[in-house]
Protein backbone atom coordinates (compact mmCIF):
# COMPACT_ATOMS: atom_id res chain seq x y z
CA MET A 1 65.99 104.68 188.38
CA LYS A 2 67.77 102.73 191.08
CA LYS A 3 68.47 99.93 188.63
CA VAL A 4 70.06 102.38 186.19
CA ASN A 5 72.23 103.90 188.93
CA LEU A 6 73.28 100.42 190.04
CA LEU A 7 74.34 99.55 186.50
CA ILE A 8 76.38 102.75 186.29
CA VAL A 9 78.13 101.96 189.58
CA LEU A 10 78.85 98.40 188.47
CA GLY A 11 80.26 99.69 185.20
CA MET A 12 82.53 102.12 187.04
CA VAL A 13 83.75 99.37 189.37
CA THR A 14 84.40 97.03 186.45
CA GLY A 15 86.31 99.74 184.60
CA ALA A 16 88.41 100.51 187.68
CA ALA A 17 89.20 96.84 188.16
CA PHE A 18 90.25 96.54 184.50
CA ALA A 19 92.46 99.60 184.85
CA GLN A 20 94.15 98.03 187.89
CA ASP A 21 94.86 94.84 185.89
CA THR A 22 96.62 96.76 183.11
CA LEU A 23 100.15 97.80 184.12
CA THR A 24 101.87 100.52 182.11
CA ILE A 25 105.60 99.94 181.88
CA SER A 26 108.46 101.57 180.01
CA LYS A 27 111.30 99.85 178.21
CA ASN A 28 113.88 101.20 180.68
CA ASP A 29 111.94 99.72 183.60
CA LEU A 30 111.87 96.36 181.82
CA LEU A 31 115.62 96.40 181.19
CA GLN A 32 116.28 97.13 184.85
CA LYS A 33 113.91 94.44 186.10
CA VAL A 34 115.18 91.73 183.77
CA THR A 35 118.73 92.21 185.07
CA GLU A 36 117.53 91.81 188.64
CA ASN A 37 114.90 89.06 188.31
CA ASN A 38 115.42 86.95 185.19
CA LEU A 39 115.94 83.25 186.00
CA GLN A 40 118.35 82.64 183.12
CA ILE A 41 120.63 85.39 184.44
CA LYS A 42 120.43 83.90 187.95
CA VAL A 43 121.43 80.50 186.59
CA ALA A 44 124.41 82.08 184.81
CA GLU A 45 125.43 83.89 187.99
CA LYS A 46 125.28 80.64 189.98
CA SER A 47 127.49 78.96 187.37
CA PHE A 48 130.00 81.78 187.81
CA GLN A 49 129.86 81.43 191.60
CA SER A 50 130.50 77.69 191.24
CA ALA A 51 133.55 78.35 189.05
CA LYS A 52 134.73 80.97 191.53
CA ALA A 53 134.47 78.43 194.34
CA ASP A 54 136.58 76.00 192.28
CA TYR A 55 139.21 78.69 191.90
CA ARG A 56 139.22 79.39 195.63
CA GLN A 57 139.92 75.71 196.26
CA SER A 58 143.23 76.16 194.45
CA ASN A 59 144.40 78.40 197.33
CA ALA A 60 145.38 75.12 198.98
CA LEU A 61 148.41 75.22 196.68
CA PHE A 62 149.91 78.01 198.84
CA LEU A 63 148.14 77.78 202.18
CA PRO A 64 148.86 75.15 204.84
CA ASN A 65 146.57 72.28 205.73
CA ILE A 66 146.02 72.28 209.50
CA ASN A 67 144.38 69.42 211.36
CA VAL A 68 143.69 69.07 215.10
CA SER A 69 142.70 65.77 216.70
CA HIS A 70 142.26 64.33 220.19
CA THR A 71 142.45 60.55 220.56
CA GLY A 72 141.84 58.38 223.60
CA ILE A 73 142.80 54.70 223.87
CA SER A 74 142.78 51.95 226.48
CA THR A 75 145.06 49.02 225.67
CA THR A 76 146.86 45.91 226.91
CA ASN A 77 148.83 45.56 223.68
CA PRO A 78 152.48 45.36 224.75
CA LEU A 79 153.83 47.64 222.06
CA MET A 80 151.03 50.19 222.40
CA ALA A 81 151.18 50.19 226.18
CA PHE A 82 154.97 50.74 226.21
CA GLY A 83 154.74 53.43 223.54
CA SER A 84 151.95 55.22 225.37
CA LYS A 85 153.97 55.42 228.59
CA LEU A 86 156.98 56.56 226.60
CA ASN A 87 154.95 59.36 225.01
CA GLN A 88 153.55 60.34 228.40
CA GLU A 89 157.13 60.47 229.77
CA ILE A 90 156.23 58.25 232.75
CA LEU A 91 158.48 55.24 232.07
CA THR A 92 160.39 53.88 235.10
CA ALA A 93 162.96 51.14 235.49
CA SER A 94 160.27 48.71 236.64
CA ASP A 95 158.50 49.10 233.29
CA PHE A 96 161.42 47.23 231.68
CA ASN A 97 160.54 44.10 233.63
CA PRO A 98 160.06 41.41 230.91
CA ALA A 99 156.89 40.18 232.62
CA LEU A 100 155.34 43.67 232.46
CA LEU A 101 156.61 44.24 228.95
CA ASN A 102 155.03 41.00 227.72
CA ASP A 103 151.83 41.28 229.72
CA PRO A 104 151.21 44.93 230.63
CA ASP A 105 148.38 46.24 232.73
CA VAL A 106 145.60 48.25 231.14
CA THR A 107 147.14 51.49 229.93
CA GLN A 108 145.24 54.64 229.01
CA ASN A 109 146.54 57.29 226.71
CA PHE A 110 145.02 60.59 225.53
CA ALA A 111 146.77 62.39 222.68
CA THR A 112 146.14 65.88 221.33
CA LYS A 113 147.80 66.36 217.95
CA ILE A 114 148.17 69.46 215.77
CA GLU A 115 149.33 68.61 212.25
CA VAL A 116 150.47 71.09 209.58
CA GLN A 117 151.18 70.26 205.93
CA GLN A 118 152.65 72.96 203.70
CA PRO A 119 153.12 72.57 199.90
CA LEU A 120 156.49 73.90 198.73
CA PHE A 121 156.84 72.90 195.08
CA ASN A 122 153.91 71.74 192.95
CA LEU A 123 154.26 72.99 189.38
CA ASP A 124 151.30 71.05 187.98
CA GLY A 125 149.17 72.57 190.73
CA LEU A 126 150.19 76.08 189.63
CA TYR A 127 148.92 75.44 186.11
CA GLY A 128 145.78 73.84 187.53
CA ARG A 129 145.15 77.03 189.49
CA GLN A 130 145.60 79.12 186.32
CA ALA A 131 143.13 76.85 184.54
CA ALA A 132 140.57 77.39 187.31
CA LYS A 133 141.10 81.16 187.03
CA ALA A 134 140.55 81.08 183.25
CA LYS A 135 137.40 78.99 183.73
CA MET A 136 136.07 81.48 186.29
CA ASP A 137 136.74 84.39 183.91
CA ALA A 138 134.96 82.51 181.11
CA PHE A 139 131.82 82.07 183.22
CA GLN A 140 131.92 85.74 184.23
CA LEU A 141 132.08 86.82 180.59
CA GLN A 142 129.32 84.38 179.70
CA THR A 143 127.14 85.85 182.45
CA GLU A 144 127.67 89.34 181.05
CA ARG A 145 126.81 88.09 177.55
CA THR A 146 123.67 86.45 178.91
CA LYS A 147 122.60 89.81 180.32
CA GLU A 148 123.21 91.44 176.93
CA TYR A 149 121.15 88.73 175.25
CA LEU A 150 118.28 89.14 177.72
CA GLU A 151 118.32 92.90 177.07
CA LEU A 152 117.88 92.13 173.37
CA GLU A 153 115.12 89.62 174.13
CA VAL A 154 113.29 92.13 176.34
CA SER A 155 113.55 94.78 173.62
CA LYS A 156 112.09 92.32 171.13
CA ALA A 157 109.29 91.31 173.50
CA TYR A 158 108.52 94.97 174.22
CA MET A 159 108.31 95.76 170.50
CA GLN A 160 106.04 92.72 170.05
CA LEU A 161 103.79 94.14 172.76
CA GLN A 162 103.79 97.52 171.02
CA LEU A 163 102.99 95.81 167.72
CA ALA A 164 100.16 93.84 169.32
CA TYR A 165 98.55 97.00 170.74
CA LYS A 166 99.00 98.77 167.40
CA ALA A 167 97.35 95.84 165.60
CA VAL A 168 94.40 96.11 167.98
CA LYS A 169 94.03 99.80 167.12
CA VAL A 170 94.25 99.11 163.39
CA LEU A 171 91.61 96.39 163.61
CA GLU A 172 89.40 98.55 165.83
CA LYS A 173 89.62 101.25 163.18
CA ALA A 174 88.89 98.67 160.49
CA ASN A 175 85.97 97.41 162.55
CA ALA A 176 84.58 100.94 162.87
CA THR A 177 84.94 101.39 159.10
CA ALA A 178 83.25 98.05 158.45
CA GLN A 179 80.42 98.92 160.84
CA GLY A 180 79.93 102.22 159.02
CA ASN A 181 79.85 100.42 155.69
CA LEU A 182 77.37 97.92 157.13
CA LYS A 183 74.98 100.69 158.20
CA MET A 184 75.25 102.31 154.80
CA VAL A 185 74.61 98.99 153.02
CA GLU A 186 71.68 98.23 155.33
CA ASN A 187 70.11 101.57 154.41
CA TYR A 188 70.67 100.88 150.71
CA PHE A 189 69.16 97.40 151.15
CA LYS A 190 66.08 98.77 152.93
CA ASN A 191 65.59 101.22 150.10
CA GLY A 192 65.87 98.42 147.58
CA MET A 193 69.11 99.72 146.10
CA LEU A 194 71.15 96.58 146.88
CA GLN A 195 70.56 92.85 146.91
CA LYS A 196 70.55 90.54 149.89
CA THR A 197 73.91 89.05 148.84
CA ASP A 198 75.56 92.47 149.13
CA LEU A 199 74.32 92.82 152.70
CA LEU A 200 75.48 89.30 153.55
CA ASN A 201 78.95 89.97 152.15
CA VAL A 202 79.34 93.06 154.34
CA GLN A 203 78.10 91.14 157.41
CA VAL A 204 80.65 88.38 156.72
CA ARG A 205 83.39 91.02 156.52
CA VAL A 206 82.29 92.51 159.86
CA ASN A 207 82.43 89.07 161.46
CA GLU A 208 85.90 88.47 160.03
CA ILE A 209 87.21 91.73 161.49
CA THR A 210 85.60 90.95 164.85
CA ASN A 211 87.36 87.58 164.87
CA GLN A 212 90.68 89.16 163.88
CA LEU A 213 90.27 91.74 166.62
CA GLN A 214 89.79 89.00 169.19
CA TYR A 215 92.97 87.28 168.03
CA ALA A 216 94.82 90.59 168.23
CA LYS A 217 93.70 91.08 171.83
CA SER A 218 94.86 87.54 172.61
CA ASN A 219 98.26 88.43 171.13
CA VAL A 220 98.45 91.35 173.56
CA GLN A 221 98.00 88.96 176.45
CA ASN A 222 100.50 86.50 174.96
CA ALA A 223 103.12 89.25 174.64
CA SER A 224 102.40 90.35 178.22
CA ASP A 225 102.78 86.80 179.50
CA TYR A 226 106.14 86.40 177.76
CA LEU A 227 107.39 89.66 179.26
CA ALA A 228 106.25 88.46 182.68
CA PHE A 229 108.19 85.23 182.12
CA LEU A 230 111.35 87.18 181.26
CA LEU A 231 110.89 89.31 184.38
CA ASN A 232 110.02 86.28 186.55
CA GLU A 233 106.77 87.91 187.68
CA ASP A 234 103.32 86.46 188.32
CA MET A 235 101.00 88.12 185.79
CA ALA A 236 97.86 86.05 186.37
CA GLY A 237 94.90 88.22 185.34
CA LYS A 238 97.15 91.18 184.49
CA THR A 239 98.32 92.75 181.26
CA TYR A 240 101.28 94.95 180.41
CA LYS A 241 100.79 98.12 178.40
CA PRO A 242 103.79 99.85 176.80
CA ALA A 243 104.42 103.41 177.91
CA GLU A 244 105.77 104.22 174.44
CA ALA A 245 103.76 103.51 171.30
CA LEU A 246 105.24 101.75 168.28
CA ASP A 247 106.93 104.25 165.97
CA ASN A 248 105.98 103.79 162.31
CA SER A 249 109.22 105.37 161.10
CA ILE A 250 112.72 103.89 160.97
CA ALA A 251 116.17 105.35 161.52
CA ILE A 252 118.78 104.30 158.97
CA GLU A 253 122.24 103.58 160.41
CA SER A 254 125.56 102.48 158.93
CA MET A 255 126.29 98.76 159.10
CA ASN A 256 129.18 97.08 160.88
CA THR A 257 130.59 94.20 158.84
CA THR A 258 133.24 92.79 161.19
CA ILE A 259 132.95 90.69 164.33
CA SER A 260 134.98 92.07 167.23
CA ASP A 261 137.13 89.77 169.38
CA SER A 262 136.11 91.91 172.35
CA ARG A 263 132.58 90.48 172.22
CA LYS A 264 131.81 88.86 175.56
CA ASP A 265 130.86 85.42 174.23
CA ILE A 266 133.95 85.24 172.00
CA GLN A 267 136.13 86.27 174.93
CA ALA A 268 134.45 83.57 176.99
CA MET A 269 135.28 80.96 174.33
CA GLN A 270 138.89 82.14 174.29
CA LYS A 271 139.09 81.95 178.08
CA SER A 272 137.65 78.45 177.97
CA SER A 273 140.31 77.46 175.42
CA GLU A 274 142.95 78.98 177.70
CA ALA A 275 141.65 76.90 180.61
CA TYR A 276 142.04 73.71 178.58
CA LYS A 277 145.54 74.79 177.61
CA LYS A 278 146.51 75.24 181.26
CA MET A 279 145.04 71.85 182.13
CA PHE A 280 147.17 70.30 179.38
CA GLN A 281 150.27 72.00 180.77
CA SER A 282 149.32 70.87 184.27
CA SER A 283 149.10 67.29 183.06
CA LYS A 284 152.53 67.49 181.43
CA PHE A 285 154.14 68.76 184.63
CA GLY A 286 152.49 65.97 186.57
CA PHE A 287 155.63 63.94 185.82
CA LEU A 288 157.74 66.25 188.01
CA PRO A 289 158.38 65.56 191.72
CA ARG A 290 156.50 67.34 194.49
CA LEU A 291 158.01 68.83 197.62
CA ASN A 292 155.93 69.27 200.77
CA ALA A 293 156.81 70.22 204.34
CA PHE A 294 155.03 68.79 207.35
CA GLY A 295 155.06 69.19 211.10
CA SER A 296 153.14 68.19 214.17
CA TYR A 297 152.87 69.19 217.82
CA GLU A 298 151.67 66.46 220.19
CA LEU A 299 150.37 66.46 223.77
CA TYR A 300 149.99 63.25 225.81
CA ASP A 301 148.48 62.38 229.20
CA GLN A 302 146.77 59.60 231.13
CA ASN A 303 143.75 61.87 231.57
CA ILE A 304 141.45 63.28 228.94
CA PHE A 305 142.61 66.62 227.57
CA GLY A 306 145.74 66.38 229.70
CA THR A 307 149.00 68.03 228.58
CA SER A 308 151.65 66.63 230.89
CA ALA A 309 153.95 65.48 228.03
CA LYS A 310 154.78 67.37 224.85
CA GLY A 311 156.69 66.80 221.66
CA TYR A 312 156.99 67.97 218.08
CA LEU A 313 157.97 66.63 214.67
CA VAL A 314 159.04 68.57 211.57
CA GLY A 315 160.22 67.39 208.18
CA ALA A 316 159.93 67.57 204.42
CA GLN A 317 158.98 65.02 201.79
CA LEU A 318 160.05 64.85 198.16
CA SER A 319 157.77 62.49 196.26
CA TRP A 320 158.02 61.43 192.63
CA ASN A 321 155.55 59.15 190.95
CA ILE A 322 157.79 57.42 188.40
CA PHE A 323 155.21 55.13 186.79
CA ASP A 324 151.47 54.76 187.43
CA GLY A 325 150.49 52.36 184.67
CA PHE A 326 150.13 55.03 181.95
CA LYS A 327 147.49 56.86 184.00
CA THR A 328 149.35 60.20 183.84
CA ILE A 329 150.28 59.68 180.19
CA GLY A 330 146.64 58.98 179.27
CA LYS A 331 145.50 61.99 181.30
CA THR A 332 147.98 64.20 179.41
CA GLN A 333 146.83 62.90 176.04
CA LYS A 334 143.20 63.54 176.96
CA ALA A 335 144.01 67.08 178.15
CA LYS A 336 145.84 67.77 174.87
CA ALA A 337 142.87 66.55 172.80
CA ASP A 338 140.46 68.66 174.88
CA PHE A 339 142.67 71.73 174.40
CA GLU A 340 142.90 71.26 170.63
CA LYS A 341 139.14 70.64 170.46
CA ALA A 342 138.48 73.88 172.38
CA GLU A 343 140.69 75.84 169.97
CA ILE A 344 138.83 74.41 166.97
CA GLU A 345 135.45 75.16 168.56
CA THR A 346 136.52 78.74 169.26
CA GLU A 347 137.58 79.23 165.65
CA GLN A 348 134.35 77.65 164.42
CA TYR A 349 132.27 79.88 166.70
CA LYS A 350 133.99 83.02 165.42
CA LYS A 351 133.37 82.01 161.80
CA GLN A 352 129.73 81.20 162.56
CA SER A 353 129.36 84.59 164.23
CA GLN A 354 130.84 86.32 161.19
CA LEU A 355 128.47 84.36 158.97
CA GLU A 356 125.52 85.42 161.13
CA LEU A 357 126.66 89.04 160.98
CA SER A 358 126.85 89.00 157.16
CA LYS A 359 123.42 87.41 156.99
CA THR A 360 121.94 89.98 159.39
CA ASN A 361 123.42 92.86 157.38
CA ARG A 362 121.61 91.57 154.29
CA GLN A 363 118.43 91.09 156.30
CA LEU A 364 118.64 94.72 157.44
CA VAL A 365 118.86 95.92 153.84
CA ASP A 366 115.92 93.70 152.89
CA ALA A 367 113.94 94.93 155.92
CA GLU A 368 114.56 98.58 154.98
CA ASN A 369 113.34 97.89 151.46
CA LYS A 370 110.29 96.08 152.82
CA VAL A 371 109.43 99.04 155.07
CA ASN A 372 109.58 101.48 152.17
CA LEU A 373 107.50 99.27 149.87
CA SER A 374 104.94 98.42 152.55
CA LYS A 375 104.55 102.11 153.39
CA LEU A 376 103.94 102.93 149.74
CA ALA A 377 101.48 100.02 149.42
CA PHE A 378 99.59 101.20 152.51
CA GLU A 379 99.33 104.76 151.19
CA GLN A 380 98.11 103.47 147.83
CA SER A 381 95.56 101.19 149.48
CA GLN A 382 94.24 104.14 151.51
CA GLU A 383 93.77 106.18 148.38
CA ALA A 384 92.17 103.24 146.55
CA PHE A 385 89.70 102.70 149.40
CA ARG A 386 88.84 106.40 149.52
CA ILE A 387 88.10 106.43 145.78
CA ARG A 388 86.06 103.24 145.86
CA GLN A 389 84.07 104.41 148.89
CA ASN A 390 83.18 107.67 147.14
CA ARG A 391 82.21 105.82 143.98
CA PHE A 392 80.19 103.29 146.01
CA THR A 393 78.12 106.06 147.61
CA GLN A 394 77.42 107.26 144.08
CA GLY A 395 76.38 103.77 143.00
CA LEU A 396 79.36 103.34 140.69
CA GLU A 397 81.12 100.48 142.54
CA LYS A 398 80.12 97.00 143.61
CA THR A 399 79.92 96.02 147.25
CA THR A 400 82.56 93.33 146.73
CA ASP A 401 84.97 95.91 145.30
CA LEU A 402 84.47 98.14 148.34
CA LEU A 403 85.01 95.24 150.73
CA MET A 404 88.14 94.19 148.87
CA ALA A 405 89.55 97.71 149.07
CA GLU A 406 88.75 97.99 152.77
CA THR A 407 90.29 94.59 153.52
CA GLN A 408 93.40 95.45 151.52
CA MET A 409 93.85 98.74 153.37
CA ALA A 410 93.77 97.08 156.81
CA GLN A 411 96.04 94.30 155.60
CA LYS A 412 98.61 96.71 154.16
CA GLU A 413 98.69 98.77 157.34
CA LEU A 414 99.35 95.64 159.42
CA GLU A 415 102.04 94.57 156.94
CA HIS A 416 103.71 97.96 157.24
CA LEU A 417 103.71 97.75 161.04
CA GLN A 418 105.18 94.24 160.86
CA ALA A 419 107.88 95.48 158.45
CA VAL A 420 108.81 98.30 160.85
CA PHE A 421 109.02 95.80 163.71
CA GLU A 422 111.26 93.48 161.67
CA TYR A 423 113.57 96.35 160.69
CA ASN A 424 113.94 97.69 164.23
CA PHE A 425 114.57 94.23 165.69
CA THR A 426 117.07 93.35 162.96
CA LYS A 427 118.93 96.59 163.68
CA GLN A 428 119.05 95.81 167.40
CA TYR A 429 120.17 92.24 166.68
CA LEU A 430 122.94 93.63 164.46
CA GLN A 431 124.05 95.85 167.34
CA PHE A 432 124.00 92.80 169.63
CA LEU A 433 126.21 90.85 167.21
CA THR A 434 128.79 93.66 167.08
CA LYS A 435 128.61 94.66 170.76
C-alpha cells in the first residue's frame, strides 16, 4: 500500500514539474517581448545610434573648437629665451646686451593658452551634414522595418507552434483510432476470423502512427525553441504552449496590388539615395574656398600656472585648395557614381518588391483554393473511413482497405491544417508587403 501511495505521489510531482516546464503564451505577449528583447532589433537600433552619432559630429560645422593648454619650458636658446621674457613682459635694457642675447642664462616660461576656432563658411560641410542626416533617417526607417519584419516572423512562428500542437492532437486521435482497430482485429484473430498477416498489418500501422506522433512532439519543441530564439530567452527544458488554438477556418480579404512608397524599407532606400546625392554635392563644393575665424588668449609667467602677463590674438583665414593632384576631382567622380548606383538600386528594389507582391497575390489565391479542396478531401476521407469501418465490422472489407482509409483520413486532416497555415501566413505576408 505504501508503494502504491509513493507511486501516486511521484506521478503527481512529475506532472507538476511538467506543467511548470510548459509556458502558455499569447500572440500579443510575443509581439511585445520581441520588440523589447530580439537581438536583430537591438543590432538595428545600435546601427541607428551609430548613424545618429555621425550626424552629431557634423555640429562642428557651426560650433567653435575650443582648446586649452598649459606648457612649461626651460631653455638657453637665444631666440626662445628672448621671446619668453618678451611674453612675460619682464624685458629690461640689460637684456639687450649682445653677450646676454647670444648666450642667455637658463630661462623658464609657463604659458596658459586658450584657443578658439570658429567655422564661418564651409559649403561642402553643409551638404556633408545633410548627408549624415539622411543616413540617420535611413537607419531609423530600417529599424522600424526590422521591427515590422520580426512581428511577421513571430506571427509565423506562433502559427507553426499552433500547427505543431494541432498535429499532435490529430495524431493522438489517429493513434487512438488505430489502437481501437488493433483491439478489434486482435479479437477477430483470436476467434479465427482473420489471418496473422491482417494482425501484423494493423500492428505496423500502430507503430507508424506512434513514430509520427513522436516526430510531431519534436516539432512542438522545435517551434518553441525558435520562438525562444526570437525572444532572446533561455528555454532549456521548457516548452511554449499557444494560448489560442489554430483556427481551421480562413477569412477572405481583398488583395492590394500596388506597392506603396510609404513602406519603411522603400523610404529607407530613398533616404540612402538622398544621402549619396548630398555627398556628391558636398564633393562638388569642395572646390570652393573656406573661411574660418580664430582667436587665442594667452597667459605667461616664470612660475607654473602664473598669470603675470596676458595677451590675445584674433583673426580670420580664407583658404582655397586650388589643386591637390586630382584628389578632389576623383573624390567627386566616385561620389557621383555612388549616387547613381544608389538610385538604380532603389529603382531595382521597388520593382523587385512589386514583383514579390504580384507573386504573393497569386499564392494567396492558390492557398485559398488549396484550403477549400483540402477541406473537401478531409470530409470525404472521414466519410470513406466511416463506411469502411462499418463494412469491416460486418466482414465486408479487407483489413488493408480499412488501414488505407484510416491513414488517408489522418493525412488529409494534416494537409488541411497545413493549407490553413499557408493561407494565413501568406495573407499576413501580403499585409507586410503593403504595410
